[in-house]
Amino acid sequence: MSDHVYKVTELTGSSKKGIEDAVHNAINRASRTLRNLRWFEVTETRGHIEDGKIAHWQVTIKIGFTLDE
């Protein structure tokens, strides 16, 4: 394994479907403008309630990517 330097940024994804979909939404959006995505860490999970039911999920992640050489 070679030595890497990572940049870390924090994102919040949301979804009406669930937690995993909220993570996918955040990563999919990040992949449009960031290169070399390598890992993510879920740091916070929360939801919004309407009429006694879950309306949507919000998941905050830290996402790491390697810097270009």
C-alpha atoms as a PDB file:
ATOM      1  CA  MET A   1       0.000   0.000   0.000  1.00  0.00           C
ATOM      2  CA  SER A   2       1.407   3.355  -0.975  1.00  0.00           C
ATOM      3  CA  ASP A   3       1.344   6.404   1.260  1.00  0.00           C
ATOM      4  CA  HIS A   4      -1.670   8.636   0.692  1.00  0.00           C
ATOM      5  CA  VAL A   5      -2.734  12.072   1.820  1.00  0.00           C
ATOM      6  CA  TYR A   6      -6.481  12.529   2.160  1.00  0.00           C
ATOM      7  CA  LYS A   7      -8.663  15.606   2.089  1.00  0.00           C
ATOM      8  CA  VAL A   8     -11.832  15.288   4.180  1.00  0.00           C
ATOM      9  CA  THR A   9     -15.058  17.191   3.630  1.00  0.00           C
ATOM     10  CA  GLU A  10     -18.430  17.006   5.356  1.00  0.00           C
ATOM     11  CA  LEU A  11     -21.733  16.583   3.514  1.00  0.00           C
ATOM     12  CA  THR A  12     -25.370  16.029   4.447  1.00  0.00           C
ATOM     13  CA  GLY A  13     -27.551  13.891   2.208  1.00  0.00           C
ATOM     14  CA  SER A  14     -31.309  13.520   2.527  1.00  0.00           C
ATOM     15  CA  SER A  15     -33.890  11.010   1.363  1.00  0.00           C
ATOM     16  CA  LYS A  16     -37.542  10.131   1.838  1.00  0.00           C
ATOM     17  CA  LYS A  17     -36.641   6.437   1.382  1.00  0.00           C
ATOM     18  CA  GLY A  18     -34.153   5.857   4.211  1.00  0.00           C
ATOM     19  CA  ILE A  19     -30.722   6.283   5.748  1.00  0.00           C
ATOM     20  CA  GLU A  20     -28.801   4.268   3.176  1.00  0.00           C
ATOM     21  CA  ASP A  21     -30.393   6.213   0.317  1.00  0.00           C
ATOM     22  CA  ALA A  22     -29.450   9.507   2.009  1.00  0.00           C
ATOM     23  CA  VAL A  23     -25.806   8.340   2.147  1.00  0.00           C
ATOM     24  CA  HIS A  24     -25.958   7.308  -1.520  1.00  0.00           C
ATOM     25  CA  ASN A  25     -27.373  10.728  -2.456  1.00  0.00           C
ATOM     26  CA  ALA A  26     -24.530  12.546  -0.690  1.00  0.00           C
ATOM     27  CA  ILE A  27     -21.847  10.353  -2.276  1.00  0.00           C
ATOM     28  CA  ASN A  28     -23.419  10.500  -5.750  1.00  0.00           C
ATOM     29  CA  ARG A  29     -23.545  14.293  -5.609  1.00  0.00           C
ATOM     30  CA  ALA A  30     -19.965  14.563  -4.337  1.00  0.00           C
ATOM     31  CA  SER A  31     -18.734  12.303  -7.134  1.00  0.00           C
ATOM     32  CA  ARG A  32     -19.879  14.861  -9.720  1.00  0.00           C
ATOM     33  CA  THR A  33     -17.309  17.439  -8.595  1.00  0.00           C
ATOM     34  CA  LEU A  34     -14.727  15.572  -6.473  1.00  0.00           C
ATOM     35  CA  ARG A  35     -12.232  13.011  -7.768  1.00  0.00           C
ATOM     36  CA  ASN A  36     -10.576  10.046  -6.081  1.00  0.00           C
ATOM     37  CA  LEU A  37     -13.287   9.403  -3.463  1.00  0.00           C
ATOM     38  CA  ARG A  38     -12.015   6.652  -1.155  1.00  0.00           C
ATOM     39  CA  TRP A  39     -14.046   6.351   2.068  1.00  0.00           C
ATOM     40  CA  PHE A  40     -16.867   7.797   4.127  1.00  0.00           C
ATOM     41  CA  GLU A  41     -17.896   7.887   7.774  1.00  0.00           C
ATOM     42  CA  VAL A  42     -21.449   8.509   9.004  1.00  0.00           C
ATOM     43  CA  THR A  43     -21.197  11.134  11.741  1.00  0.00           C
ATOM     44  CA  GLU A  44     -24.840  12.044  12.330  1.00  0.00           C
ATOM     45  CA  THR A  45     -28.273  10.657  11.528  1.00  0.00           C
ATOM     46  CA  ARG A  46     -31.524  12.528  12.014  1.00  0.00           C
ATOM     47  CA  GLY A  47     -34.997  12.672  10.555  1.00  0.00           C
ATOM     48  CA  HIS A  48     -37.944  14.951  10.059  1.00  0.00           C
ATOM     49  CA  ILE A  49     -41.403  13.990  11.347  1.00  0.00           C
ATOM     50  CA  GLU A  50     -44.707  15.071   9.800  1.00  0.00           C
ATOM     51  CA  ASP A  51     -48.111  13.913  11.064  1.00  0.00           C
ATOM     52  CA  GLY A  52     -46.463  11.352  13.351  1.00  0.00           C
ATOM     53  CA  LYS A  53     -44.537   9.688  10.501  1.00  0.00           C
ATOM     54  CA  ILE A  54     -41.002   9.928   9.179  1.00  0.00           C
ATOM     55  CA  ALA A  55     -41.049  12.449   6.330  1.00  0.00           C
ATOM     56  CA  HIS A  56     -37.375  12.221   5.397  1.00  0.00           C
ATOM     57  CA  TRP A  57     -33.937  11.253   6.666  1.00  0.00           C
ATOM     58  CA  GLN A  58     -30.802  13.398   6.853  1.00  0.00           C
ATOM     59  CA  VAL A  59     -27.381  11.771   7.187  1.00  0.00           C
ATOM     60  CA  THR A  60     -24.173  13.736   7.679  1.00  0.00           C
ATOM     61  CA  ILE A  61     -21.017  12.065   6.440  1.00  0.00           C
ATOM     62  CA  LYS A  62     -17.333  12.824   6.295  1.00  0.00           C
ATOM     63  CA  ILE A  63     -15.966  11.789   2.920  1.00  0.00           C
ATOM     64  CA  GLY A  64     -12.274  11.304   2.194  1.00  0.00           C
ATOM     65  CA  PHE A  65     -10.526  11.575  -1.129  1.00  0.00           C
ATOM     66  CA  THR A  66      -6.919  11.419  -2.226  1.00  0.00           C
ATOM     67  CA  LEU A  67      -5.218  14.485  -3.608  1.00  0.00           C
ATOM     68  CA  ASP A  68      -3.940  14.505  -7.169  1.00  0.00           C
ATOM     69  CA  GLU A  69      -0.224  13.899  -7.603  1.00  0.00           C
END
